[in-house]
Amino acid sequence: MSSEVFADLQIDGSSKGERKKKKRTRFFYKVENHQELI
């Protein structure tokens, strides 16, 4: 499951990441939980 979040993050950051700031917030929320593990 963490692989899917990472893949989406890379695509969001590489593909108009600034424009999709609203969607990035939702991803960051899930990533923050995974970041604590890393």
N, C-alpha and C. Protein backbone atom coordinates (compact mmCIF):
# COMPACT_ATOMS: atom_id res chain seq x y z
N MET A 1 0.84 -1.20 0.00
CA MET A 1 0.00 0.00 0.00
C MET A 1 0.88 1.25 0.00
N SER A 2 1.99 1.21 0.68
CA SER A 2 2.87 2.40 0.71
C SER A 2 3.44 2.66 -0.69
N SER A 3 3.57 1.63 -1.49
CA SER A 3 4.12 1.80 -2.85
C SER A 3 3.14 2.64 -3.68
N GLU A 4 1.87 2.42 -3.49
CA GLU A 4 0.86 3.18 -4.27
C GLU A 4 0.91 4.65 -3.88
N VAL A 5 1.05 4.91 -2.61
CA VAL A 5 1.10 6.32 -2.16
C VAL A 5 2.34 7.00 -2.71
N PHE A 6 3.45 6.28 -2.70
CA PHE A 6 4.69 6.87 -3.21
C PHE A 6 4.59 7.15 -4.70
N ALA A 7 4.01 6.22 -5.43
CA ALA A 7 3.89 6.40 -6.89
C ALA A 7 3.00 7.61 -7.19
N ASP A 8 1.93 7.74 -6.45
CA ASP A 8 1.03 8.88 -6.69
C ASP A 8 1.71 10.20 -6.33
N LEU A 9 2.52 10.15 -5.30
CA LEU A 9 3.21 11.37 -4.88
C LEU A 9 4.19 11.82 -5.95
N GLN A 10 4.93 10.87 -6.50
CA GLN A 10 5.92 11.21 -7.53
C GLN A 10 5.22 11.80 -8.75
N ILE A 11 4.11 11.21 -9.13
CA ILE A 11 3.39 11.69 -10.32
C ILE A 11 2.81 13.09 -10.04
N ASP A 12 2.30 13.27 -8.84
CA ASP A 12 1.72 14.57 -8.50
C ASP A 12 2.79 15.65 -8.48
N GLY A 13 3.94 15.34 -7.92
CA GLY A 13 5.03 16.31 -7.83
C GLY A 13 5.65 16.56 -9.19
N SER A 14 5.65 15.56 -10.04
CA SER A 14 6.27 15.71 -11.37
C SER A 14 5.25 16.25 -12.37
N SER A 15 4.00 15.94 -12.17
CA SER A 15 2.96 16.37 -13.14
C SER A 15 2.05 17.43 -12.53
N LYS A 16 2.36 18.69 -12.72
CA LYS A 16 1.52 19.79 -12.20
C LYS A 16 1.24 19.56 -10.71
N GLY A 17 2.26 19.43 -9.93
CA GLY A 17 2.06 19.24 -8.49
C GLY A 17 1.54 20.51 -7.84
N GLU A 18 2.01 21.64 -8.33
CA GLU A 18 1.57 22.90 -7.73
C GLU A 18 0.08 23.16 -8.02
N ARG A 19 -0.33 22.77 -9.19
CA ARG A 19 -1.74 23.03 -9.59
C ARG A 19 -2.67 22.11 -8.77
N LYS A 20 -2.22 20.93 -8.47
CA LYS A 20 -3.10 19.99 -7.71
C LYS A 20 -2.78 20.11 -6.22
N LYS A 21 -2.82 21.31 -5.71
CA LYS A 21 -2.48 21.50 -4.29
C LYS A 21 -3.59 20.91 -3.41
N LYS A 22 -4.80 21.00 -3.87
CA LYS A 22 -5.93 20.45 -3.08
C LYS A 22 -5.78 18.94 -2.93
N LYS A 23 -5.41 18.28 -4.02
CA LYS A 23 -5.28 16.82 -3.93
C LYS A 23 -4.02 16.47 -3.15
N ARG A 24 -3.03 17.32 -3.21
CA ARG A 24 -1.77 17.04 -2.51
C ARG A 24 -2.01 17.02 -0.99
N THR A 25 -2.88 17.86 -0.54
CA THR A 25 -3.14 17.89 0.91
C THR A 25 -3.65 16.53 1.38
N ARG A 26 -4.49 15.93 0.57
CA ARG A 26 -5.07 14.61 0.97
C ARG A 26 -3.94 13.58 0.96
N PHE A 27 -3.06 13.66 0.00
CA PHE A 27 -1.98 12.68 -0.06
C PHE A 27 -0.99 12.90 1.08
N PHE A 28 -0.73 14.14 1.36
CA PHE A 28 0.23 14.44 2.43
C PHE A 28 -0.26 13.85 3.75
N TYR A 29 -1.54 13.92 3.97
CA TYR A 29 -2.11 13.38 5.21
C TYR A 29 -1.75 11.90 5.36
N LYS A 30 -1.88 11.16 4.25
CA LYS A 30 -1.58 9.72 4.29
C LYS A 30 -0.06 9.52 4.34
N VAL A 31 0.66 10.38 3.67
CA VAL A 31 2.12 10.24 3.63
C VAL A 31 2.70 10.54 5.01
N GLU A 32 2.14 11.52 5.69
CA GLU A 32 2.65 11.88 7.02
C GLU A 32 2.63 10.65 7.93
N ASN A 33 1.61 9.86 7.82
CA ASN A 33 1.52 8.64 8.63
C ASN A 33 2.63 7.67 8.26
N HIS A 34 2.94 7.60 6.98
CA HIS A 34 4.00 6.68 6.52
C HIS A 34 5.37 7.24 6.85
N GLN A 35 5.48 8.58 6.83
CA GLN A 35 6.77 9.21 7.10
C GLN A 35 7.23 8.87 8.52
N GLU A 36 6.31 8.81 9.42
CA GLU A 36 6.67 8.49 10.81
C GLU A 36 7.33 7.11 10.89
N LEU A 37 6.94 6.23 9.99
CA LEU A 37 7.50 4.88 10.00
C LEU A 37 8.91 4.88 9.44
N ILE A 38 9.12 5.71 8.43
CA ILE A 38 10.44 5.73 7.77
C ILE A 38 11.48 6.28 8.73
